[in-house]
Amino acid sequence: MPAMPDRPYSIAFHPELDLCDIHWTRLFTPDMAELYATDLTGRFVAAGFSPGYRLRIAMSACLVQPRDAALAINTRLSDFPKASRIAVVVGSTLQRMQVRRFMSQPYLQIFDDRNASYRWLLTEDRDAA
């Protein structure tokens, strides 16, 4: 069996919080974007998650994603189950702009601080987002 490529992300599921916590660590290629989408989708189902979960994507550890990789992720995950809240943690104004370009959900908030994103995600009134 061939070795798995070093992945530019980590995914953790926290069922007790109904939270999918993703951390991007470096740039994606279009091929890695496909692997990421396949991995995320399979693990989401295996973890028993369903629509209405909370999602955090921390991308402050890497640069703005290449356009082709960002487009591949967005296209491939266009029918991913809907979250109740999405927190995206960015490290730059350019990342913030890229997130706004590809993600327009009204239940999404962009943060500069990982702890603030966590507090917002875990507030009791999830439906008021």
C-alpha atoms as a PDB file:
ATOM      1  CA  MET A   1       0.000   0.000   0.000  1.00  0.00           C
ATOM      2  CA  PRO A   2       1.467   3.398  -0.963  1.00  0.00           C
ATOM      3  CA  ALA A   3       2.160   5.904   1.789  1.00  0.00           C
ATOM      4  CA  MET A   4      -0.438   8.625   2.250  1.00  0.00           C
ATOM      5  CA  PRO A   5       0.803  12.077   1.311  1.00  0.00           C
ATOM      6  CA  ASP A   6       1.485  14.497   4.126  1.00  0.00           C
ATOM      7  CA  ARG A   7      -1.804  16.329   4.470  1.00  0.00           C
ATOM      8  CA  PRO A   8      -2.064  20.107   4.788  1.00  0.00           C
ATOM      9  CA  TYR A   9      -4.944  19.799   7.261  1.00  0.00           C
ATOM     10  CA  SER A  10      -6.239  18.048  10.349  1.00  0.00           C
ATOM     11  CA  ILE A  11      -9.859  17.210  11.109  1.00  0.00           C
ATOM     12  CA  ALA A  12     -11.256  16.515  14.566  1.00  0.00           C
ATOM     13  CA  PHE A  13     -14.832  15.633  15.440  1.00  0.00           C
ATOM     14  CA  HIS A  14     -16.149  16.441  18.911  1.00  0.00           C
ATOM     15  CA  PRO A  15     -19.579  14.759  19.174  1.00  0.00           C
ATOM     16  CA  GLU A  16     -20.150  16.090  22.696  1.00  0.00           C
ATOM     17  CA  LEU A  17     -20.033  19.626  21.247  1.00  0.00           C
ATOM     18  CA  ASP A  18     -21.510  18.757  17.835  1.00  0.00           C
ATOM     19  CA  LEU A  19     -18.332  20.370  16.465  1.00  0.00           C
ATOM     20  CA  CYS A  20     -16.205  19.602  13.437  1.00  0.00           C
ATOM     21  CA  ASP A  21     -12.872  21.361  13.962  1.00  0.00           C
ATOM     22  CA  ILE A  22     -10.584  21.699  10.935  1.00  0.00           C
ATOM     23  CA  HIS A  23      -7.097  23.140  10.906  1.00  0.00           C
ATOM     24  CA  TRP A  24      -5.365  24.018   7.627  1.00  0.00           C
ATOM     25  CA  THR A  25      -1.595  24.008   7.994  1.00  0.00           C
ATOM     26  CA  ARG A  26      -0.316  24.885   4.521  1.00  0.00           C
ATOM     27  CA  LEU A  27      -1.308  25.361   0.898  1.00  0.00           C
ATOM     28  CA  PHE A  28      -3.442  22.845  -0.987  1.00  0.00           C
ATOM     29  CA  THR A  29      -3.009  21.636  -4.534  1.00  0.00           C
ATOM     30  CA  PRO A  30      -6.113  20.733  -6.565  1.00  0.00           C
ATOM     31  CA  ASP A  31      -5.313  17.018  -5.998  1.00  0.00           C
ATOM     32  CA  MET A  32      -4.960  17.588  -2.259  1.00  0.00           C
ATOM     33  CA  ALA A  33      -8.243  19.536  -2.291  1.00  0.00           C
ATOM     34  CA  GLU A  34      -9.935  16.436  -3.724  1.00  0.00           C
ATOM     35  CA  LEU A  35      -8.374  14.221  -1.063  1.00  0.00           C
ATOM     36  CA  TYR A  36      -9.436  16.707   1.634  1.00  0.00           C
ATOM     37  CA  ALA A  37     -13.055  16.771   0.423  1.00  0.00           C
ATOM     38  CA  THR A  38     -13.215  12.973   0.213  1.00  0.00           C
ATOM     39  CA  ASP A  39     -11.623  12.560   3.644  1.00  0.00           C
ATOM     40  CA  LEU A  40     -13.869  15.163   5.287  1.00  0.00           C
ATOM     41  CA  THR A  41     -17.041  13.717   3.773  1.00  0.00           C
ATOM     42  CA  GLY A  42     -16.184  10.145   4.767  1.00  0.00           C
ATOM     43  CA  ARG A  43     -15.181  11.074   8.290  1.00  0.00           C
ATOM     44  CA  PHE A  44     -18.288  13.258   8.738  1.00  0.00           C
ATOM     45  CA  VAL A  45     -20.519  10.287   7.967  1.00  0.00           C
ATOM     46  CA  ALA A  46     -18.412   7.873  10.057  1.00  0.00           C
ATOM     47  CA  ALA A  47     -18.598  10.246  13.048  1.00  0.00           C
ATOM     48  CA  GLY A  48     -22.401  10.187  12.832  1.00  0.00           C
ATOM     49  CA  PHE A  49     -22.718  13.911  12.271  1.00  0.00           C
ATOM     50  CA  SER A  50     -25.748  15.437  10.570  1.00  0.00           C
ATOM     51  CA  PRO A  51     -26.881  18.885   9.407  1.00  0.00           C
ATOM     52  CA  GLY A  52     -26.967  21.507  12.154  1.00  0.00           C
ATOM     53  CA  TYR A  53     -23.492  20.781  13.531  1.00  0.00           C
ATOM     54  CA  ARG A  54     -20.960  23.510  14.301  1.00  0.00           C
ATOM     55  CA  LEU A  55     -17.926  23.994  12.067  1.00  0.00           C
ATOM     56  CA  ARG A  56     -14.645  25.771  12.678  1.00  0.00           C
ATOM     57  CA  ILE A  57     -11.988  26.102  10.021  1.00  0.00           C
ATOM     58  CA  ALA A  58      -8.729  27.581  11.273  1.00  0.00           C
ATOM     59  CA  MET A  59      -6.607  28.673   8.347  1.00  0.00           C
ATOM     60  CA  SER A  60      -4.368  31.252  10.000  1.00  0.00           C
ATOM     61  CA  ALA A  61      -1.343  28.903   9.891  1.00  0.00           C
ATOM     62  CA  CYS A  62      -1.115  29.101   6.108  1.00  0.00           C
ATOM     63  CA  LEU A  63      -1.225  31.625   3.311  1.00  0.00           C
ATOM     64  CA  VAL A  64      -4.103  32.416   0.980  1.00  0.00           C
ATOM     65  CA  GLN A  65      -4.925  29.245  -0.928  1.00  0.00           C
ATOM     66  CA  PRO A  66      -4.098  29.099  -4.654  1.00  0.00           C
ATOM     67  CA  ARG A  67      -7.160  29.972  -6.718  1.00  0.00           C
ATOM     68  CA  ASP A  68      -7.407  26.545  -8.366  1.00  0.00           C
ATOM     69  CA  ALA A  69      -7.225  24.747  -5.010  1.00  0.00           C
ATOM     70  CA  ALA A  70      -9.758  27.091  -3.362  1.00  0.00           C
ATOM     71  CA  LEU A  71     -12.124  26.640  -6.294  1.00  0.00           C
ATOM     72  CA  ALA A  72     -11.699  22.843  -6.153  1.00  0.00           C
ATOM     73  CA  ILE A  73     -12.535  22.762  -2.429  1.00  0.00           C
ATOM     74  CA  ASN A  74     -15.536  25.044  -2.883  1.00  0.00           C
ATOM     75  CA  THR A  75     -16.880  23.073  -5.849  1.00  0.00           C
ATOM     76  CA  ARG A  76     -16.300  19.644  -4.334  1.00  0.00           C
ATOM     77  CA  LEU A  77     -17.948  20.548  -1.003  1.00  0.00           C
ATOM     78  CA  SER A  78     -20.851  22.558  -2.454  1.00  0.00           C
ATOM     79  CA  ASP A  79     -23.389  19.953  -1.302  1.00  0.00           C
ATOM     80  CA  PHE A  80     -21.774  19.229   2.086  1.00  0.00           C
ATOM     81  CA  PRO A  81     -24.321  19.050   4.951  1.00  0.00           C
ATOM     82  CA  LYS A  82     -25.297  22.486   6.246  1.00  0.00           C
ATOM     83  CA  ALA A  83     -23.869  23.643   9.569  1.00  0.00           C
ATOM     84  CA  SER A  84     -25.762  25.793  12.059  1.00  0.00           C
ATOM     85  CA  ARG A  85     -22.714  28.012  12.525  1.00  0.00           C
ATOM     86  CA  ILE A  86     -19.392  28.322  10.757  1.00  0.00           C
ATOM     87  CA  ALA A  87     -16.419  30.081  12.310  1.00  0.00           C
ATOM     88  CA  VAL A  88     -13.402  30.694  10.111  1.00  0.00           C
ATOM     89  CA  VAL A  89     -10.176  31.838  11.739  1.00  0.00           C
ATOM     90  CA  VAL A  90      -7.912  33.836   9.438  1.00  0.00           C
ATOM     91  CA  GLY A  91      -4.476  35.333   9.786  1.00  0.00           C
ATOM     92  CA  SER A  92      -4.629  38.075   7.181  1.00  0.00           C
ATOM     93  CA  THR A  93      -6.870  40.475   5.327  1.00  0.00           C
ATOM     94  CA  LEU A  94      -6.257  38.524   2.108  1.00  0.00           C
ATOM     95  CA  GLN A  95      -7.510  35.320   3.738  1.00  0.00           C
ATOM     96  CA  ARG A  96     -10.580  37.173   4.991  1.00  0.00           C
ATOM     97  CA  MET A  97     -11.256  38.362   1.425  1.00  0.00           C
ATOM     98  CA  GLN A  98     -10.819  34.846   0.025  1.00  0.00           C
ATOM     99  CA  VAL A  99     -13.220  33.382   2.590  1.00  0.00           C
ATOM    100  CA  ARG A 100     -15.821  36.031   1.741  1.00  0.00           C
ATOM    101  CA  ARG A 101     -15.406  35.254  -1.942  1.00  0.00           C
ATOM    102  CA  PHE A 102     -16.037  31.523  -1.573  1.00  0.00           C
ATOM    103  CA  MET A 103     -18.288  31.347   1.495  1.00  0.00           C
ATOM    104  CA  SER A 104     -21.398  33.513   1.703  1.00  0.00           C
ATOM    105  CA  GLN A 105     -23.429  31.642   4.303  1.00  0.00           C
ATOM    106  CA  PRO A 106     -25.329  34.035   6.586  1.00  0.00           C
ATOM    107  CA  TYR A 107     -24.428  31.837   9.576  1.00  0.00           C
ATOM    108  CA  LEU A 108     -20.680  32.313   9.006  1.00  0.00           C
ATOM    109  CA  GLN A 109     -18.430  34.578  11.077  1.00  0.00           C
ATOM    110  CA  ILE A 110     -14.779  35.335  10.398  1.00  0.00           C
ATOM    111  CA  PHE A 111     -12.404  35.704  13.325  1.00  0.00           C
ATOM    112  CA  ASP A 112      -8.812  36.718  13.889  1.00  0.00           C
ATOM    113  CA  ASP A 113      -8.763  34.920  17.250  1.00  0.00           C
ATOM    114  CA  ARG A 114      -9.210  31.155  17.639  1.00  0.00           C
ATOM    115  CA  ASN A 115     -10.552  31.455  21.201  1.00  0.00           C
ATOM    116  CA  ALA A 116     -13.165  34.031  20.195  1.00  0.00           C
ATOM    117  CA  SER A 117     -14.328  31.721  17.392  1.00  0.00           C
ATOM    118  CA  TYR A 118     -14.710  28.866  19.859  1.00  0.00           C
ATOM    119  CA  ARG A 119     -16.742  30.988  22.303  1.00  0.00           C
ATOM    120  CA  TRP A 120     -19.051  32.141  19.499  1.00  0.00           C
ATOM    121  CA  LEU A 121     -19.563  28.619  18.195  1.00  0.00           C
ATOM    122  CA  LEU A 122     -20.460  27.248  21.604  1.00  0.00           C
ATOM    123  CA  THR A 123     -22.969  29.872  22.680  1.00  0.00           C
ATOM    124  CA  GLU A 124     -26.310  28.335  23.569  1.00  0.00           C
ATOM    125  CA  ASP A 125     -28.459  30.113  21.009  1.00  0.00           C
ATOM    126  CA  ARG A 126     -27.007  28.482  17.876  1.00  0.00           C
ATOM    127  CA  ASP A 127     -30.096  29.193  15.788  1.00  0.00           C
ATOM    128  CA  ALA A 128     -29.862  32.949  16.302  1.00  0.00           C
ATOM    129  CA  ALA A 129     -26.632  33.191  14.295  1.00  0.00           C
END
